[in-house]
N, C-alpha and C. Protein backbone atom coordinates (compact mmCIF):
# COMPACT_ATOMS: atom_id res chain seq x y z
N ASP A 1 0.84 -1.21 0.00
CA ASP A 1 0.00 0.00 0.00
C ASP A 1 0.86 1.25 0.00
N ALA A 2 1.93 1.25 0.78
CA ALA A 2 2.80 2.42 0.84
C ALA A 2 3.45 2.65 -0.52
N GLU A 3 3.86 1.56 -1.20
CA GLU A 3 4.47 1.71 -2.51
C GLU A 3 3.46 2.25 -3.52
N HIS A 4 2.18 1.81 -3.37
CA HIS A 4 1.14 2.29 -4.29
C HIS A 4 0.90 3.78 -4.10
N ILE A 5 0.96 4.27 -2.86
CA ILE A 5 0.76 5.69 -2.58
C ILE A 5 1.83 6.52 -3.26
N PHE A 6 3.09 6.04 -3.20
CA PHE A 6 4.17 6.79 -3.83
C PHE A 6 4.08 6.75 -5.35
N GLN A 7 3.47 5.69 -5.90
CA GLN A 7 3.35 5.58 -7.35
C GLN A 7 2.20 6.42 -7.89
N GLU A 8 1.25 6.82 -7.03
CA GLU A 8 0.12 7.63 -7.47
C GLU A 8 0.58 9.04 -7.82
N SER A 9 0.01 9.57 -8.88
CA SER A 9 0.30 10.95 -9.24
C SER A 9 -0.55 11.89 -8.39
N VAL A 10 -0.20 13.15 -8.41
CA VAL A 10 -0.96 14.14 -7.65
C VAL A 10 -2.39 14.25 -8.18
N GLN A 11 -2.56 14.20 -9.50
CA GLN A 11 -3.89 14.29 -10.09
C GLN A 11 -4.76 13.11 -9.69
N GLU A 12 -4.16 11.91 -9.62
CA GLU A 12 -4.93 10.73 -9.21
C GLU A 12 -5.40 10.87 -7.77
N ARG A 13 -4.53 11.41 -6.91
CA ARG A 13 -4.94 11.61 -5.52
C ARG A 13 -6.04 12.66 -5.41
N VAL A 14 -5.92 13.72 -6.20
CA VAL A 14 -6.95 14.76 -6.19
C VAL A 14 -8.28 14.20 -6.69
N ASP A 15 -8.24 13.39 -7.76
CA ASP A 15 -9.46 12.80 -8.29
C ASP A 15 -10.10 11.85 -7.28
N ARG A 16 -9.26 11.08 -6.59
CA ARG A 16 -9.79 10.16 -5.60
C ARG A 16 -10.43 10.92 -4.43
N TRP A 17 -9.80 12.03 -4.04
CA TRP A 17 -10.36 12.85 -2.96
C TRP A 17 -11.68 13.47 -3.38
N LYS A 18 -11.77 13.97 -4.64
CA LYS A 18 -13.00 14.56 -5.13
C LYS A 18 -14.12 13.53 -5.19
N THR A 19 -13.79 12.32 -5.62
CA THR A 19 -14.79 11.26 -5.68
C THR A 19 -15.33 10.95 -4.29
N ALA A 20 -14.44 10.89 -3.30
CA ALA A 20 -14.88 10.63 -1.93
C ALA A 20 -15.78 11.76 -1.42
N GLN A 21 -15.42 13.00 -1.74
CA GLN A 21 -16.24 14.13 -1.31
C GLN A 21 -17.61 14.11 -1.98
N MET A 22 -17.66 13.75 -3.27
CA MET A 22 -18.94 13.69 -3.97
C MET A 22 -19.82 12.58 -3.42
N GLU A 23 -19.23 11.44 -3.09
CA GLU A 23 -20.00 10.35 -2.48
C GLU A 23 -20.53 10.76 -1.11
N LYS A 24 -19.72 11.46 -0.36
CA LYS A 24 -20.15 11.95 0.95
C LYS A 24 -21.28 12.96 0.80
N TYR A 25 -21.19 13.82 -0.22
CA TYR A 25 -22.23 14.81 -0.46
C TYR A 25 -23.54 14.15 -0.85
N ALA A 26 -23.46 13.07 -1.66
CA ALA A 26 -24.66 12.39 -2.13
C ALA A 26 -25.40 11.70 -0.99
N ASN A 27 -24.70 11.34 0.08
CA ASN A 27 -25.33 10.66 1.21
C ASN A 27 -25.94 11.62 2.22
N LEU A 28 -25.78 12.93 2.00
CA LEU A 28 -26.34 13.91 2.92
C LEU A 28 -27.81 14.17 2.58
N THR A 29 -28.54 14.65 3.57
CA THR A 29 -29.92 15.06 3.34
C THR A 29 -29.93 16.39 2.59
N PRO A 30 -31.06 16.75 1.93
CA PRO A 30 -31.11 18.03 1.21
C PRO A 30 -30.77 19.23 2.09
N GLU A 31 -31.21 19.22 3.34
CA GLU A 31 -30.90 20.34 4.23
C GLU A 31 -29.41 20.39 4.55
N GLU A 32 -28.81 19.21 4.76
CA GLU A 32 -27.37 19.18 5.03
C GLU A 32 -26.56 19.59 3.81
N GLN A 33 -27.04 19.24 2.60
CA GLN A 33 -26.37 19.66 1.38
C GLN A 33 -26.42 21.17 1.22
N GLU A 34 -27.54 21.78 1.62
CA GLU A 34 -27.71 23.22 1.46
C GLU A 34 -26.87 24.00 2.47
N THR A 35 -26.76 23.46 3.68
CA THR A 35 -26.04 24.18 4.74
C THR A 35 -24.59 23.73 4.88
N GLY A 36 -24.17 22.73 4.07
CA GLY A 36 -22.80 22.23 4.19
C GLY A 36 -21.78 23.22 3.65
N VAL A 37 -20.54 22.99 4.00
CA VAL A 37 -19.46 23.89 3.59
C VAL A 37 -18.90 23.52 2.23
N ARG A 38 -19.33 22.37 1.65
CA ARG A 38 -18.85 21.95 0.33
C ARG A 38 -20.02 21.76 -0.61
N ASP A 39 -19.75 21.97 -1.92
CA ASP A 39 -20.78 21.78 -2.92
C ASP A 39 -20.75 20.36 -3.45
N GLU A 40 -21.53 20.10 -4.54
CA GLU A 40 -21.65 18.74 -5.06
C GLU A 40 -20.37 18.24 -5.71
N GLN A 41 -19.42 19.12 -6.01
CA GLN A 41 -18.14 18.72 -6.59
C GLN A 41 -17.00 18.70 -5.59
N GLY A 42 -17.32 18.84 -4.31
CA GLY A 42 -16.31 18.78 -3.28
C GLY A 42 -15.59 20.09 -3.03
N ARG A 43 -15.99 21.16 -3.73
CA ARG A 43 -15.32 22.45 -3.55
C ARG A 43 -15.88 23.17 -2.33
N THR A 44 -15.03 23.92 -1.67
CA THR A 44 -15.45 24.66 -0.48
C THR A 44 -16.26 25.88 -0.89
N LYS A 45 -17.41 26.05 -0.25
CA LYS A 45 -18.24 27.22 -0.52
C LYS A 45 -17.67 28.41 0.23
N LEU A 46 -17.47 29.51 -0.49
CA LEU A 46 -16.95 30.71 0.16
C LEU A 46 -18.02 31.35 1.03
N VAL A 47 -19.23 31.50 0.50
CA VAL A 47 -20.34 32.09 1.23
C VAL A 47 -21.57 31.23 0.99
N ASN A 48 -22.29 30.89 2.03
CA ASN A 48 -23.49 30.09 1.89
C ASN A 48 -24.75 30.96 1.82
N TYR A 49 -24.82 31.96 2.66
CA TYR A 49 -26.01 32.79 2.76
C TYR A 49 -25.61 34.26 2.78
N VAL A 50 -26.53 35.10 2.36
CA VAL A 50 -26.35 36.53 2.47
C VAL A 50 -27.50 37.09 3.30
N SER A 51 -27.19 38.08 4.11
CA SER A 51 -28.19 38.64 5.00
C SER A 51 -29.07 39.64 4.26
N LYS A 52 -30.12 40.07 4.95
CA LYS A 52 -31.05 41.04 4.36
C LYS A 52 -30.34 42.36 4.07
N GLY A 53 -29.49 42.80 4.99
CA GLY A 53 -28.76 44.05 4.77
C GLY A 53 -27.80 43.98 3.60
N SER A 54 -27.14 42.82 3.42
CA SER A 54 -26.21 42.66 2.30
C SER A 54 -26.93 42.71 0.97
N ARG A 55 -28.11 42.10 0.91
CA ARG A 55 -28.89 42.14 -0.33
C ARG A 55 -29.33 43.55 -0.66
N ALA A 56 -29.79 44.27 0.35
CA ALA A 56 -30.22 45.65 0.12
C ALA A 56 -29.04 46.52 -0.31
N LEU A 57 -27.85 46.25 0.25
CA LEU A 57 -26.67 47.06 -0.07
C LEU A 57 -26.25 46.90 -1.52
N ILE A 58 -26.27 45.66 -2.04
CA ILE A 58 -25.84 45.46 -3.42
C ILE A 58 -26.80 46.14 -4.39
N PHE A 59 -28.12 46.10 -4.10
CA PHE A 59 -29.06 46.79 -4.97
C PHE A 59 -28.91 48.31 -4.85
N PHE A 60 -28.57 48.79 -3.65
CA PHE A 60 -28.34 50.23 -3.47
C PHE A 60 -27.13 50.68 -4.29
N MET A 61 -26.07 49.89 -4.26
CA MET A 61 -24.87 50.22 -5.04
C MET A 61 -25.18 50.22 -6.54
N LEU A 62 -25.93 49.22 -7.00
CA LEU A 62 -26.27 49.16 -8.42
C LEU A 62 -27.22 50.28 -8.82
N MET A 63 -28.06 50.72 -7.88
CA MET A 63 -28.96 51.83 -8.17
C MET A 63 -28.17 53.11 -8.47
N TRP A 64 -27.18 53.40 -7.63
CA TRP A 64 -26.36 54.59 -7.87
C TRP A 64 -25.38 54.39 -9.02
N ARG A 65 -25.06 53.16 -9.31
CA ARG A 65 -24.28 52.87 -10.52
C ARG A 65 -25.08 53.27 -11.77
N ASP A 66 -26.38 53.01 -11.75
CA ASP A 66 -27.23 53.40 -12.87
C ASP A 66 -27.30 54.92 -13.01
N VAL A 67 -27.30 55.62 -11.87
CA VAL A 67 -27.31 57.09 -11.93
C VAL A 67 -26.04 57.59 -12.62
N TYR A 68 -24.90 57.01 -12.28
CA TYR A 68 -23.64 57.41 -12.90
C TYR A 68 -23.64 57.10 -14.39
N LEU A 69 -24.10 55.90 -14.75
CA LEU A 69 -24.13 55.52 -16.17
C LEU A 69 -25.12 56.38 -16.96
N PHE A 70 -26.20 56.79 -16.31
CA PHE A 70 -27.17 57.66 -16.96
C PHE A 70 -26.52 58.99 -17.32
N ASP A 71 -25.73 59.53 -16.40
CA ASP A 71 -25.05 60.80 -16.65
C ASP A 71 -24.01 60.66 -17.76
N VAL A 72 -23.27 59.53 -17.75
CA VAL A 72 -22.27 59.30 -18.79
C VAL A 72 -22.94 59.13 -20.16
N ALA A 73 -24.04 58.37 -20.20
CA ALA A 73 -24.74 58.16 -21.47
C ALA A 73 -25.34 59.45 -21.99
N ASP A 74 -25.77 60.31 -21.09
CA ASP A 74 -26.36 61.58 -21.51
C ASP A 74 -25.34 62.46 -22.23
N GLN A 75 -24.08 62.32 -21.86
CA GLN A 75 -23.03 63.11 -22.49
C GLN A 75 -22.42 62.42 -23.71
N ALA A 76 -22.47 61.09 -23.73
CA ALA A 76 -21.78 60.35 -24.80
C ALA A 76 -22.66 60.11 -26.02
N PHE A 77 -23.98 60.02 -25.85
CA PHE A 77 -24.86 59.69 -26.96
C PHE A 77 -25.72 60.89 -27.35
N LYS A 78 -26.19 60.84 -28.58
CA LYS A 78 -27.06 61.87 -29.10
C LYS A 78 -28.18 61.22 -29.92
N GLY A 79 -29.28 61.94 -30.02
CA GLY A 79 -30.37 61.48 -30.86
C GLY A 79 -31.09 60.27 -30.29
N GLY A 80 -31.43 59.32 -31.19
CA GLY A 80 -32.20 58.15 -30.78
C GLY A 80 -31.43 57.22 -29.86
N GLY A 81 -30.09 57.13 -30.05
CA GLY A 81 -29.29 56.29 -29.17
C GLY A 81 -29.35 56.75 -27.73
N ARG A 82 -29.36 58.07 -27.52
CA ARG A 82 -29.45 58.59 -26.16
C ARG A 82 -30.78 58.22 -25.52
N ILE A 83 -31.86 58.29 -26.29
CA ILE A 83 -33.18 57.96 -25.73
C ILE A 83 -33.25 56.49 -25.33
N VAL A 84 -32.71 55.61 -26.19
CA VAL A 84 -32.76 54.16 -25.89
C VAL A 84 -31.94 53.84 -24.64
N VAL A 85 -30.72 54.37 -24.58
CA VAL A 85 -29.84 54.07 -23.44
C VAL A 85 -30.41 54.65 -22.15
N ARG A 86 -30.90 55.87 -22.21
CA ARG A 86 -31.46 56.49 -21.01
C ARG A 86 -32.71 55.75 -20.53
N THR A 87 -33.53 55.28 -21.47
CA THR A 87 -34.72 54.52 -21.09
C THR A 87 -34.33 53.21 -20.42
N LEU A 88 -33.34 52.52 -20.99
CA LEU A 88 -32.88 51.26 -20.39
C LEU A 88 -32.32 51.48 -18.99
N LEU A 89 -31.50 52.50 -18.81
CA LEU A 89 -30.91 52.76 -17.50
C LEU A 89 -31.96 53.21 -16.49
N THR A 90 -32.99 53.92 -16.96
CA THR A 90 -34.08 54.31 -16.06
C THR A 90 -34.83 53.09 -15.56
N ILE A 91 -35.08 52.14 -16.47
CA ILE A 91 -35.75 50.89 -16.06
C ILE A 91 -34.89 50.13 -15.05
N MET A 92 -33.58 50.08 -15.30
CA MET A 92 -32.69 49.39 -14.37
C MET A 92 -32.64 50.10 -13.02
N PHE A 93 -32.68 51.43 -13.04
CA PHE A 93 -32.68 52.18 -11.78
C PHE A 93 -33.93 51.87 -10.97
N VAL A 94 -35.08 51.87 -11.63
CA VAL A 94 -36.33 51.56 -10.91
C VAL A 94 -36.31 50.12 -10.39
N GLY A 95 -35.77 49.19 -11.20
CA GLY A 95 -35.69 47.80 -10.75
C GLY A 95 -34.79 47.63 -9.55
N ASN A 96 -33.63 48.29 -9.55
CA ASN A 96 -32.72 48.19 -8.41
C ASN A 96 -33.29 48.88 -7.17
N MET A 97 -34.00 49.99 -7.36
CA MET A 97 -34.64 50.64 -6.23
C MET A 97 -35.72 49.75 -5.63
N ALA A 98 -36.48 49.08 -6.50
CA ALA A 98 -37.47 48.12 -6.00
C ALA A 98 -36.79 46.97 -5.27
N GLY A 99 -35.58 46.60 -5.74
CA GLY A 99 -34.84 45.54 -5.06
C GLY A 99 -34.42 45.95 -3.66
N VAL A 100 -34.01 47.20 -3.49
CA VAL A 100 -33.66 47.68 -2.15
C VAL A 100 -34.85 47.59 -1.22
N LEU A 101 -36.01 48.06 -1.68
CA LEU A 101 -37.21 48.04 -0.83
C LEU A 101 -37.67 46.62 -0.55
N ALA A 102 -37.58 45.74 -1.57
CA ALA A 102 -38.04 44.36 -1.38
C ALA A 102 -37.13 43.60 -0.43
N CYS A 103 -35.82 43.88 -0.46
CA CYS A 103 -34.89 43.15 0.41
C CYS A 103 -35.07 43.51 1.88
N LEU A 104 -35.70 44.64 2.16
CA LEU A 104 -35.92 45.04 3.55
C LEU A 104 -37.15 44.38 4.14
N SER A 105 -37.89 43.64 3.34
CA SER A 105 -39.08 42.93 3.82
C SER A 105 -38.91 41.45 3.57
N ALA A 106 -39.91 40.69 3.98
CA ALA A 106 -39.87 39.24 3.78
C ALA A 106 -39.99 38.92 2.30
N LEU A 107 -39.18 37.97 1.83
CA LEU A 107 -39.15 37.63 0.41
C LEU A 107 -39.75 36.26 0.17
N GLY A 108 -40.65 36.19 -0.80
CA GLY A 108 -41.15 34.91 -1.25
C GLY A 108 -40.27 34.33 -2.32
N HIS A 109 -40.57 33.10 -2.72
CA HIS A 109 -39.72 32.43 -3.72
C HIS A 109 -39.78 33.16 -5.05
N SER A 110 -40.97 33.59 -5.47
CA SER A 110 -41.10 34.29 -6.76
C SER A 110 -40.40 35.64 -6.72
N THR A 111 -40.47 36.33 -5.57
CA THR A 111 -39.81 37.63 -5.46
C THR A 111 -38.30 37.47 -5.55
N LYS A 112 -37.75 36.43 -4.94
CA LYS A 112 -36.31 36.18 -5.02
C LYS A 112 -35.89 35.94 -6.46
N ASN A 113 -36.68 35.19 -7.20
CA ASN A 113 -36.35 34.93 -8.60
C ASN A 113 -36.38 36.22 -9.42
N ARG A 114 -37.35 37.09 -9.15
CA ARG A 114 -37.42 38.37 -9.87
C ARG A 114 -36.20 39.23 -9.56
N LEU A 115 -35.80 39.28 -8.28
CA LEU A 115 -34.65 40.09 -7.90
C LEU A 115 -33.36 39.55 -8.51
N LYS A 116 -33.23 38.23 -8.56
CA LYS A 116 -32.04 37.66 -9.20
C LYS A 116 -32.05 37.90 -10.71
N THR A 117 -33.25 37.99 -11.30
CA THR A 117 -33.35 38.35 -12.72
C THR A 117 -32.86 39.78 -12.94
N ILE A 118 -33.20 40.69 -12.01
CA ILE A 118 -32.71 42.07 -12.10
C ILE A 118 -31.19 42.09 -12.03
N LEU A 119 -30.62 41.28 -11.13
CA LEU A 119 -29.16 41.21 -11.05
C LEU A 119 -28.54 40.69 -12.34
N ASN A 120 -29.21 39.75 -12.97
CA ASN A 120 -28.70 39.24 -14.25
C ASN A 120 -28.73 40.32 -15.33
N PHE A 121 -29.77 41.17 -15.34
CA PHE A 121 -29.80 42.28 -16.28
C PHE A 121 -28.69 43.29 -15.98
N ASP A 122 -28.42 43.50 -14.69
CA ASP A 122 -27.30 44.38 -14.32
C ASP A 122 -25.98 43.82 -14.86
N LYS A 123 -25.83 42.50 -14.79
CA LYS A 123 -24.61 41.88 -15.33
C LYS A 123 -24.52 42.08 -16.84
N LEU A 124 -25.65 41.98 -17.54
CA LEU A 124 -25.63 42.18 -18.98
C LEU A 124 -25.21 43.60 -19.34
N VAL A 125 -25.69 44.57 -18.56
CA VAL A 125 -25.30 45.96 -18.81
C VAL A 125 -23.79 46.14 -18.63
N GLU A 126 -23.26 45.55 -17.54
CA GLU A 126 -21.83 45.68 -17.28
C GLU A 126 -20.99 44.94 -18.32
N VAL A 127 -21.47 43.80 -18.78
CA VAL A 127 -20.75 43.07 -19.83
C VAL A 127 -20.72 43.88 -21.11
N ALA A 128 -21.85 44.52 -21.43
CA ALA A 128 -21.88 45.38 -22.62
C ALA A 128 -20.90 46.55 -22.46
N LEU A 129 -20.78 47.08 -21.25
CA LEU A 129 -19.83 48.17 -21.01
C LEU A 129 -18.39 47.69 -21.19
N VAL A 130 -18.09 46.48 -20.71
CA VAL A 130 -16.74 45.93 -20.90
C VAL A 130 -16.42 45.81 -22.38
N GLY A 131 -17.39 45.32 -23.17
CA GLY A 131 -17.19 45.23 -24.61
C GLY A 131 -16.98 46.59 -25.25
N TRP A 132 -17.72 47.60 -24.78
CA TRP A 132 -17.57 48.95 -25.33
C TRP A 132 -16.20 49.53 -24.99
N TYR A 133 -15.77 49.36 -23.73
CA TYR A 133 -14.45 49.86 -23.35
C TYR A 133 -13.34 49.16 -24.13
N LEU A 134 -13.50 47.85 -24.32
CA LEU A 134 -12.50 47.10 -25.08
C LEU A 134 -12.45 47.57 -26.54
N LEU A 135 -13.62 47.90 -27.07
CA LEU A 135 -13.68 48.41 -28.44
C LEU A 135 -12.98 49.76 -28.55
N ARG A 136 -13.18 50.61 -27.53
CA ARG A 136 -12.53 51.92 -27.56
C ARG A 136 -11.02 51.81 -27.35
N LEU A 137 -10.59 50.76 -26.70
CA LEU A 137 -9.15 50.57 -26.51
C LEU A 137 -8.45 50.05 -27.75
N THR A 138 -9.15 49.26 -28.54
CA THR A 138 -8.50 48.57 -29.66
C THR A 138 -8.87 49.15 -31.02
N VAL A 139 -10.17 49.19 -31.33
CA VAL A 139 -10.62 49.56 -32.67
C VAL A 139 -10.91 51.05 -32.80
N LEU A 140 -11.53 51.63 -31.78
CA LEU A 140 -11.95 53.03 -31.84
C LEU A 140 -11.27 53.86 -30.75
N PRO A 141 -9.97 53.99 -30.78
CA PRO A 141 -9.31 54.79 -29.74
C PRO A 141 -9.64 56.27 -29.88
N SER A 142 -9.56 56.98 -28.77
CA SER A 142 -9.87 58.41 -28.76
C SER A 142 -8.59 59.21 -28.54
N LYS A 143 -8.48 60.32 -29.27
CA LYS A 143 -7.32 61.19 -29.10
C LYS A 143 -7.42 62.06 -27.85
N TYR A 144 -8.65 62.24 -27.37
CA TYR A 144 -8.86 63.18 -26.28
C TYR A 144 -9.10 62.50 -24.92
N VAL A 145 -9.37 61.21 -24.95
CA VAL A 145 -9.62 60.48 -23.70
C VAL A 145 -8.46 59.53 -23.45
N PRO A 146 -7.79 59.61 -22.31
CA PRO A 146 -6.67 58.70 -22.03
C PRO A 146 -7.13 57.25 -21.98
N ARG A 147 -6.26 56.35 -22.38
CA ARG A 147 -6.59 54.93 -22.37
C ARG A 147 -6.86 54.42 -20.96
N GLU A 148 -6.24 55.05 -19.98
CA GLU A 148 -6.43 54.61 -18.61
C GLU A 148 -7.89 54.74 -18.16
N VAL A 149 -8.62 55.69 -18.75
CA VAL A 149 -10.03 55.86 -18.40
C VAL A 149 -10.83 54.62 -18.79
N PHE A 150 -10.55 54.07 -19.96
CA PHE A 150 -11.26 52.87 -20.41
C PHE A 150 -10.83 51.64 -19.60
N VAL A 151 -9.56 51.58 -19.24
CA VAL A 151 -9.09 50.47 -18.41
C VAL A 151 -9.77 50.52 -17.04
N ALA A 152 -9.87 51.71 -16.46
CA ALA A 152 -10.55 51.86 -15.17
C ALA A 152 -12.02 51.48 -15.29
N GLY A 153 -12.64 51.85 -16.41
CA GLY A 153 -14.04 51.48 -16.61
C GLY A 153 -14.23 49.97 -16.68
N MET A 154 -13.29 49.27 -17.33
CA MET A 154 -13.37 47.81 -17.39
C MET A 154 -13.22 47.19 -16.02
N LEU A 155 -12.33 47.75 -15.20
CA LEU A 155 -12.16 47.23 -13.84
C LEU A 155 -13.41 47.45 -13.01
N HIS A 156 -14.02 48.63 -13.13
CA HIS A 156 -15.25 48.90 -12.38
C HIS A 156 -16.36 47.96 -12.79
N SER A 157 -16.52 47.76 -14.10
CA SER A 157 -17.56 46.86 -14.58
C SER A 157 -17.30 45.42 -14.12
N SER A 158 -16.03 45.01 -14.13
CA SER A 158 -15.69 43.65 -13.67
C SER A 158 -16.06 43.47 -12.21
N PHE A 159 -15.85 44.51 -11.41
CA PHE A 159 -16.22 44.44 -9.99
C PHE A 159 -17.72 44.22 -9.82
N PHE A 160 -18.54 44.98 -10.53
CA PHE A 160 -19.99 44.84 -10.39
C PHE A 160 -20.48 43.52 -10.97
N ILE A 161 -19.82 43.03 -12.02
CA ILE A 161 -20.19 41.71 -12.55
C ILE A 161 -19.91 40.63 -11.51
N ALA A 162 -18.76 40.70 -10.86
CA ALA A 162 -18.41 39.70 -9.85
C ALA A 162 -19.37 39.75 -8.67
N GLU A 163 -19.73 40.96 -8.24
CA GLU A 163 -20.66 41.10 -7.11
C GLU A 163 -22.04 40.55 -7.47
N ALA A 164 -22.55 40.91 -8.63
CA ALA A 164 -23.87 40.43 -9.03
C ALA A 164 -23.87 38.91 -9.22
N GLN A 165 -22.79 38.37 -9.78
CA GLN A 165 -22.69 36.92 -9.96
C GLN A 165 -22.66 36.20 -8.62
N ALA A 166 -21.93 36.77 -7.66
CA ALA A 166 -21.85 36.14 -6.34
C ALA A 166 -23.21 36.12 -5.65
N PHE A 167 -23.97 37.21 -5.78
CA PHE A 167 -25.26 37.28 -5.11
C PHE A 167 -26.32 36.43 -5.80
N THR A 168 -26.15 36.13 -7.08
CA THR A 168 -27.11 35.24 -7.73
C THR A 168 -26.82 33.77 -7.46
N ARG A 169 -25.60 33.45 -7.02
CA ARG A 169 -25.24 32.06 -6.78
C ARG A 169 -25.52 31.60 -5.36
N VAL A 170 -25.48 32.51 -4.39
CA VAL A 170 -25.65 32.09 -3.00
C VAL A 170 -27.12 32.00 -2.65
N ASN A 171 -27.39 31.39 -1.49
CA ASN A 171 -28.75 31.23 -1.00
C ASN A 171 -29.19 32.50 -0.28
N TRP A 172 -30.42 32.92 -0.52
CA TRP A 172 -30.93 34.13 0.12
C TRP A 172 -31.76 33.83 1.36
N ASP A 173 -31.85 32.57 1.75
CA ASP A 173 -32.58 32.20 2.96
C ASP A 173 -31.70 32.42 4.16
N GLU A 174 -32.18 33.19 5.11
CA GLU A 174 -31.41 33.45 6.32
C GLU A 174 -31.69 32.33 7.32
N LYS A 175 -30.68 31.55 7.59
CA LYS A 175 -30.80 30.46 8.54
C LYS A 175 -29.69 30.57 9.55
N LEU A 176 -30.06 30.37 10.77
CA LEU A 176 -29.07 30.42 11.83
C LEU A 176 -28.46 29.05 12.03
N ALA A 177 -27.20 29.02 12.25
CA ALA A 177 -26.53 27.75 12.52
C ALA A 177 -27.01 27.20 13.85
N PRO A 178 -27.13 25.89 13.98
CA PRO A 178 -27.58 25.32 15.25
C PRO A 178 -26.62 25.68 16.37
N PRO A 179 -27.18 25.98 17.54
CA PRO A 179 -26.30 26.38 18.65
C PRO A 179 -25.37 25.26 19.05
N ILE A 180 -24.18 25.62 19.41
CA ILE A 180 -23.18 24.65 19.83
C ILE A 180 -23.47 24.24 21.27
N PRO A 181 -23.71 22.98 21.51
CA PRO A 181 -24.00 22.59 22.89
C PRO A 181 -22.80 22.84 23.79
N GLN A 182 -23.11 23.41 24.94
CA GLN A 182 -22.05 23.72 25.88
C GLN A 182 -21.74 22.49 26.73
N ARG A 183 -20.49 22.16 26.77
CA ARG A 183 -20.07 20.98 27.51
C ARG A 183 -19.78 21.37 28.94
N LYS A 184 -20.23 20.54 29.82
CA LYS A 184 -19.98 20.79 31.23
C LYS A 184 -18.50 20.57 31.54
N PRO A 185 -17.95 21.44 32.33
CA PRO A 185 -16.53 21.26 32.67
C PRO A 185 -16.31 19.97 33.45
N GLN A 186 -15.31 19.22 33.01
CA GLN A 186 -14.99 17.96 33.68
C GLN A 186 -14.00 18.21 34.81
N GLN A 187 -14.37 17.70 35.95
CA GLN A 187 -13.50 17.89 37.10
C GLN A 187 -12.47 16.77 37.18
N ASN A 188 -11.32 17.12 37.66
CA ASN A 188 -10.23 16.17 37.80
C ASN A 188 -10.52 15.25 38.99
N PRO A 189 -10.51 13.93 38.79
CA PRO A 189 -10.76 13.02 39.92
C PRO A 189 -9.78 13.23 41.07
N ALA A 190 -8.55 13.55 40.74
CA ALA A 190 -7.58 13.77 41.82
C ALA A 190 -7.98 14.96 42.66
N TYR A 191 -8.55 16.00 41.98
CA TYR A 191 -8.98 17.19 42.72
C TYR A 191 -10.16 16.83 43.61
N ASP A 192 -11.10 15.99 43.10
CA ASP A 192 -12.24 15.58 43.91
C ASP A 192 -11.78 14.79 45.13
N ASP A 193 -10.81 13.91 44.93
CA ASP A 193 -10.30 13.12 46.04
C ASP A 193 -9.65 14.01 47.09
N PHE A 194 -8.93 15.03 46.63
CA PHE A 194 -8.28 15.96 47.56
C PHE A 194 -9.33 16.76 48.33
N SER A 195 -10.45 17.13 47.62
CA SER A 195 -11.50 17.88 48.29
C SER A 195 -12.17 17.04 49.37
N ASP A 196 -12.41 15.74 49.06
CA ASP A 196 -13.03 14.87 50.05
C ASP A 196 -12.13 14.74 51.29
N ARG A 197 -10.84 14.61 51.04
CA ARG A 197 -9.94 14.48 52.18
C ARG A 197 -9.90 15.77 53.01
N HIS A 198 -10.01 16.92 52.30
CA HIS A 198 -9.96 18.19 53.01
C HIS A 198 -11.19 18.35 53.90
N GLU A 199 -12.36 17.85 53.41
CA GLU A 199 -13.56 17.94 54.20
C GLU A 199 -13.50 17.05 55.44
N THR A 200 -12.86 15.87 55.30
CA THR A 200 -12.78 14.99 56.46
C THR A 200 -11.84 15.52 57.53
N TRP A 201 -10.87 16.36 57.07
CA TRP A 201 -9.97 16.94 58.06
C TRP A 201 -10.73 17.96 58.92
């Protein structure tokens, strides 16, 4: 057995460990699978649940992100393109504002799905912005706007994409972990014996 362990490659050991984790995951109850620290592929979950305040905060950030993009679009576009972009950003602003208000109250299953759909639309807007910035960096460079502005815009959009993606993947049900039972302190038998002798004295 020891010789076999040394002959195993690192990838074989990793695959064997993943298989064991997946088998262990399959034997768990649905509630244990949802609250466990590992997913169905044996990977460690970074975050399992998000609180009500965290959900409201992400929608609040995206709401003011729409205000900023509305101002940028108002200066960058003209004519019919400006109307279309401003209308889209206005709809997104109203949706994110509704998300802030909805997250402060109890959420049903259908409401959670609607809010996650709004986050997906926010991701689409940011992905479109990344494509636009990349286009301005490569195909349509500007003589008057530094390239660093477009690079910074891509970083900002990537941040909001990552945040929206993280919030759509985690569970929105707030569950408290079961309380840890408190163990009674164990007394040393030698100390008990000494106490008994002290009492007899």
